């Protein structure tokens, strides 16, 4: 689709990152606000076009550079995002550099 037609806005509305000015967003016939955004966001995820990675390792980016984040928590987050297998297949795994 062409640039500027609202694809990103629609995605953000569907993900609950933006509140609609009119109407409701339904998931399985239920208003996502009634599901609770925390619960709803466990069911849907996306990487937006303007998201950024910071210079560092994949583990650093997952942990948001929190030095207290254990490798087990980082791996658990990657598994929740369904990206663990891809990361594990990289030669340097979670220590692969990005950014």
Protein backbone atom coordinates (compact mmCIF):
# COMPACT_ATOMS: atom_id res chain seq x y z
CA UNK A 1 0.00 0.00 0.00
CA UNK A 2 1.18 3.55 -0.61
CA UNK A 3 2.84 5.65 2.06
CA UNK A 4 0.60 7.80 4.24
CA UNK A 5 -2.63 5.78 4.01
CA UNK A 6 -2.70 4.84 7.71
CA UNK A 7 -1.16 1.36 7.90
CA UNK A 8 0.94 2.20 10.95
CA UNK A 9 -1.93 4.01 12.65
CA UNK A 10 -4.20 1.01 12.08
CA UNK A 11 -1.57 -1.36 13.48
CA UNK A 12 -1.13 0.82 16.56
CA UNK A 13 -4.90 0.95 17.08
CA UNK A 14 -5.20 -2.83 16.76
CA UNK A 15 -2.31 -3.33 19.20
CA UNK A 16 -3.85 -0.95 21.73
CA UNK A 17 -0.97 1.51 21.44
CA UNK A 18 -3.40 4.25 20.40
CA UNK A 19 -6.93 4.90 21.64
CA UNK A 20 -9.57 5.23 18.93
CA UNK A 21 -11.28 8.63 18.81
CA UNK A 22 -14.51 6.87 17.81
CA UNK A 23 -15.76 3.31 18.06
CA UNK A 24 -14.09 0.32 19.66
CA UNK A 25 -11.46 -2.27 18.79
CA UNK A 26 -12.81 -5.78 19.26
CA UNK A 27 -10.85 -8.99 19.73
CA UNK A 28 -13.00 -12.08 19.56
CA UNK A 29 -16.02 -9.81 19.88
CA UNK A 30 -14.74 -8.24 23.12
CA UNK A 31 -13.60 -4.63 23.48
CA UNK A 32 -9.83 -4.78 24.05
CA UNK A 33 -10.17 -2.27 26.91
CA UNK A 34 -12.39 -4.78 28.73
CA UNK A 35 -9.83 -7.53 28.17
CA UNK A 36 -7.22 -5.36 29.82
CA UNK A 37 -4.38 -4.09 27.68
CA UNK A 38 -1.76 -6.11 29.57
CA UNK A 39 -3.67 -9.35 28.87
CA UNK A 40 -4.43 -8.34 25.29
CA UNK A 41 -0.81 -7.49 24.58
CA UNK A 42 0.20 -11.04 25.54
CA UNK A 43 -1.85 -12.14 22.53
CA UNK A 44 -0.56 -9.72 19.89
CA UNK A 45 2.77 -8.09 19.09
CA UNK A 46 4.49 -6.23 16.27
CA UNK A 47 7.74 -4.54 15.40
CA UNK A 48 6.91 -1.17 13.94
CA UNK A 49 8.79 0.37 11.04
CA UNK A 50 10.17 3.17 13.21
CA UNK A 51 11.28 0.96 16.13
CA UNK A 52 14.96 1.21 16.87
CA UNK A 53 17.64 -1.10 18.16
CA UNK A 54 20.50 0.30 20.19
CA UNK A 55 24.16 -0.48 19.61
CA UNK A 56 24.93 -3.53 21.71
CA UNK A 57 24.05 -7.18 21.82
CA UNK A 58 20.68 -8.76 21.18
CA UNK A 59 20.57 -9.60 24.91
CA UNK A 60 21.26 -5.95 25.80
CA UNK A 61 18.40 -4.80 23.58
CA UNK A 62 15.97 -7.35 24.98
CA UNK A 63 16.94 -6.37 28.54
CA UNK A 64 16.86 -2.67 27.62
CA UNK A 65 20.42 -2.48 28.97
CA UNK A 66 19.27 -3.43 32.48
CA UNK A 67 22.40 -4.93 34.03
CA UNK A 68 20.24 -6.81 36.56
CA UNK A 69 18.36 -8.75 33.86
CA UNK A 70 19.46 -12.37 34.07
CA UNK A 71 20.19 -14.42 30.95
CA UNK A 72 17.23 -16.62 31.89
CA UNK A 73 14.87 -13.62 31.90
CA UNK A 74 16.26 -12.43 28.57
CA UNK A 75 15.76 -15.89 27.06
CA UNK A 76 12.24 -16.11 28.53
CA UNK A 77 11.36 -12.78 26.90
CA UNK A 78 12.74 -13.99 23.57
CA UNK A 79 10.72 -17.19 23.84
CA UNK A 80 7.56 -15.18 24.55
CA UNK A 81 8.29 -13.14 21.42
CA UNK A 82 8.90 -16.37 19.47
CA UNK A 83 12.41 -15.27 18.42
CA UNK A 84 14.55 -17.54 20.63
CA UNK A 85 15.16 -20.17 17.96
CA UNK A 86 16.35 -17.57 15.45
CA UNK A 87 18.66 -15.97 18.01
CA UNK A 88 20.01 -19.33 19.19
CA UNK A 89 20.83 -20.25 15.58
CA UNK A 90 23.12 -17.22 15.21
CA UNK A 91 26.85 -17.93 15.65
CA UNK A 92 27.07 -15.59 18.67
CA UNK A 93 23.50 -16.18 19.86
CA UNK A 94 22.29 -13.58 22.32
CA UNK A 95 25.70 -11.87 22.19
CA UNK A 96 25.28 -11.05 18.47
CA UNK A 97 25.78 -7.33 17.96
CA UNK A 98 23.05 -5.11 16.51
CA UNK A 99 22.47 -1.42 15.97
